[in-house]
Amino acid sequence: MQPALHPYAGCYAGESAASAEVMVADGGVTVRFGRGSRGRLELPAASPDVFRQGSMIARFHRNAAGEVTGFSYSDPLLRGLRFARRA
C-alpha cells in the first residue's frame, strides 16, 4: 500500500444511511458505494486530497491534526454528498 494514499483507506458513513468503502488503488483510490455493491469507481489523484475521473470527484477533508475525517463526492447527478469516516 502506498504510504501517501493509506490515510484515505477506510469505511465511511454518508447521509441517508449511505455508506462507502475507500481502498487504495494504483495512483489513486477506488470507492465502492453501498453495502454489497460490486461496482467500484476508480479515481486517480488529481491534487492533494482530490481524486477525479472526468466529472466524478472525491474531495477528502482533514481535521486540525491532519487526519482524514471524511470526503465529499460529486458527479453530474450528485453534488457534495458528504461521508464521515467511521470510528
C-alpha atoms as a PDB file:
ATOM      1  CA  MET A   1       0.000   0.000   0.000  1.00  0.00           C
ATOM      2  CA  GLN A   2       1.410   3.380  -0.950  1.00  0.00           C
ATOM      3  CA  PRO A   3       2.063   5.362   2.249  1.00  0.00           C
ATOM      4  CA  ALA A   4       0.817   8.672   0.786  1.00  0.00           C
ATOM      5  CA  LEU A   5      -2.574   7.132  -0.052  1.00  0.00           C
ATOM      6  CA  HIS A   6      -3.001   4.944   3.035  1.00  0.00           C
ATOM      7  CA  PRO A   7      -4.754   7.652   5.147  1.00  0.00           C
ATOM      8  CA  TYR A   8      -7.706   7.703   2.722  1.00  0.00           C
ATOM      9  CA  ALA A   9      -8.495   3.984   3.013  1.00  0.00           C
ATOM     10  CA  GLY A  10     -11.378   3.029   5.274  1.00  0.00           C
ATOM     11  CA  CYS A  11     -15.126   2.866   5.745  1.00  0.00           C
ATOM     12  CA  TYR A  12     -17.279   5.972   5.660  1.00  0.00           C
ATOM     13  CA  ALA A  13     -20.905   6.701   6.608  1.00  0.00           C
ATOM     14  CA  GLY A  14     -22.909   9.106   4.496  1.00  0.00           C
ATOM     15  CA  GLU A  15     -26.183  10.934   4.500  1.00  0.00           C
ATOM     16  CA  SER A  16     -29.427   8.942   4.403  1.00  0.00           C
ATOM     17  CA  ALA A  17     -27.760   5.712   5.565  1.00  0.00           C
ATOM     18  CA  ALA A  18     -25.411   5.719   2.566  1.00  0.00           C
ATOM     19  CA  SER A  19     -22.037   4.078   3.033  1.00  0.00           C
ATOM     20  CA  ALA A  20     -18.761   3.949   1.150  1.00  0.00           C
ATOM     21  CA  GLU A  21     -15.574   1.946   1.330  1.00  0.00           C
ATOM     22  CA  VAL A  22     -12.376   3.588   0.083  1.00  0.00           C
ATOM     23  CA  MET A  23      -9.436   1.435  -0.959  1.00  0.00           C
ATOM     24  CA  VAL A  24      -6.006   2.389  -2.221  1.00  0.00           C
ATOM     25  CA  ALA A  25      -5.539   1.852  -5.951  1.00  0.00           C
ATOM     26  CA  ASP A  26      -2.556   2.335  -8.208  1.00  0.00           C
ATOM     27  CA  GLY A  27      -2.083   6.119  -8.258  1.00  0.00           C
ATOM     28  CA  GLY A  28      -5.402   6.919  -6.613  1.00  0.00           C
ATOM     29  CA  VAL A  29      -8.333   5.439  -4.736  1.00  0.00           C
ATOM     30  CA  THR A  30     -11.192   3.067  -5.507  1.00  0.00           C
ATOM     31  CA  VAL A  31     -14.589   3.846  -3.968  1.00  0.00           C
ATOM     32  CA  ARG A  32     -17.366   1.309  -3.502  1.00  0.00           C
ATOM     33  CA  PHE A  33     -20.703   2.853  -2.532  1.00  0.00           C
ATOM     34  CA  GLY A  34     -23.298   0.883  -0.559  1.00  0.00           C
ATOM     35  CA  ARG A  35     -23.177  -2.455   1.179  1.00  0.00           C
ATOM     36  CA  GLY A  36     -22.559  -5.375  -1.102  1.00  0.00           C
ATOM     37  CA  SER A  37     -22.079  -3.147  -4.121  1.00  0.00           C
ATOM     38  CA  ARG A  38     -19.984  -4.833  -6.782  1.00  0.00           C
ATOM     39  CA  GLY A  39     -19.414  -1.604  -8.680  1.00  0.00           C
ATOM     40  CA  ARG A  40     -16.219   0.242  -7.930  1.00  0.00           C
ATOM     41  CA  LEU A  41     -15.256   3.714  -9.003  1.00  0.00           C
ATOM     42  CA  GLU A  42     -11.548   4.237  -9.704  1.00  0.00           C
ATOM     43  CA  LEU A  43     -10.449   7.821  -9.119  1.00  0.00           C
ATOM     44  CA  PRO A  44      -6.868   8.871  -9.927  1.00  0.00           C
ATOM     45  CA  ALA A  45      -5.192  11.507  -7.756  1.00  0.00           C
ATOM     46  CA  ALA A  46      -5.757  14.998  -9.195  1.00  0.00           C
ATOM     47  CA  SER A  47      -4.248  17.146  -6.416  1.00  0.00           C
ATOM     48  CA  PRO A  48      -3.720  16.824  -2.655  1.00  0.00           C
ATOM     49  CA  ASP A  49      -6.899  15.337  -1.134  1.00  0.00           C
ATOM     50  CA  VAL A  50      -8.726  15.374  -4.503  1.00  0.00           C
ATOM     51  CA  PHE A  51      -9.369  12.340  -6.702  1.00  0.00           C
ATOM     52  CA  ARG A  52     -11.083  12.695 -10.056  1.00  0.00           C
ATOM     53  CA  GLN A  53     -12.204  10.744 -13.105  1.00  0.00           C
ATOM     54  CA  GLY A  54     -13.970  13.017 -15.605  1.00  0.00           C
ATOM     55  CA  SER A  55     -16.804  14.757 -13.763  1.00  0.00           C
ATOM     56  CA  MET A  56     -16.697  12.351 -10.776  1.00  0.00           C
ATOM     57  CA  ILE A  57     -14.821  13.977  -7.892  1.00  0.00           C
ATOM     58  CA  ALA A  58     -13.999  12.922  -4.323  1.00  0.00           C
ATOM     59  CA  ARG A  59     -12.572  15.672  -2.063  1.00  0.00           C
ATOM     60  CA  PHE A  60     -11.219  14.451   1.254  1.00  0.00           C
ATOM     61  CA  HIS A  61     -11.426  16.544   4.426  1.00  0.00           C
ATOM     62  CA  ARG A  62      -8.927  16.687   7.298  1.00  0.00           C
ATOM     63  CA  ASN A  63      -9.065  17.855  10.895  1.00  0.00           C
ATOM     64  CA  ALA A  64      -6.567  20.278  12.508  1.00  0.00           C
ATOM     65  CA  ALA A  65      -4.219  17.344  13.236  1.00  0.00           C
ATOM     66  CA  GLY A  66      -4.139  16.457   9.515  1.00  0.00           C
ATOM     67  CA  GLU A  67      -6.144  13.230   9.850  1.00  0.00           C
ATOM     68  CA  VAL A  68      -8.630  12.325   7.119  1.00  0.00           C
ATOM     69  CA  THR A  69     -12.110  12.718   8.618  1.00  0.00           C
ATOM     70  CA  GLY A  70     -14.330  12.273   5.581  1.00  0.00           C
ATOM     71  CA  PHE A  71     -14.949  13.179   1.972  1.00  0.00           C
ATOM     72  CA  SER A  72     -17.462  14.821  -0.338  1.00  0.00           C
ATOM     73  CA  TYR A  73     -18.479  13.178  -3.602  1.00  0.00           C
ATOM     74  CA  SER A  74     -19.870  14.935  -6.666  1.00  0.00           C
ATOM     75  CA  ASP A  75     -20.820  13.811 -10.166  1.00  0.00           C
ATOM     76  CA  PRO A  76     -23.299  15.114 -12.775  1.00  0.00           C
ATOM     77  CA  LEU A  77     -26.265  13.892 -10.679  1.00  0.00           C
ATOM     78  CA  LEU A  78     -24.983  14.455  -7.122  1.00  0.00           C
ATOM     79  CA  ARG A  79     -23.309  17.477  -5.626  1.00  0.00           C
ATOM     80  CA  GLY A  80     -21.351  17.424  -2.384  1.00  0.00           C
ATOM     81  CA  LEU A  81     -22.678  14.189  -0.884  1.00  0.00           C
ATOM     82  CA  ARG A  82     -20.766  14.035   2.413  1.00  0.00           C
ATOM     83  CA  PHE A  83     -19.295  10.948   4.065  1.00  0.00           C
ATOM     84  CA  ALA A  84     -17.692  10.812   7.536  1.00  0.00           C
ATOM     85  CA  ARG A  85     -15.015   8.296   8.491  1.00  0.00           C
ATOM     86  CA  ARG A  86     -16.362   5.560  10.761  1.00  0.00           C
ATOM     87  CA  ALA A  87     -14.505   5.072  14.017  1.00  0.00           C
END
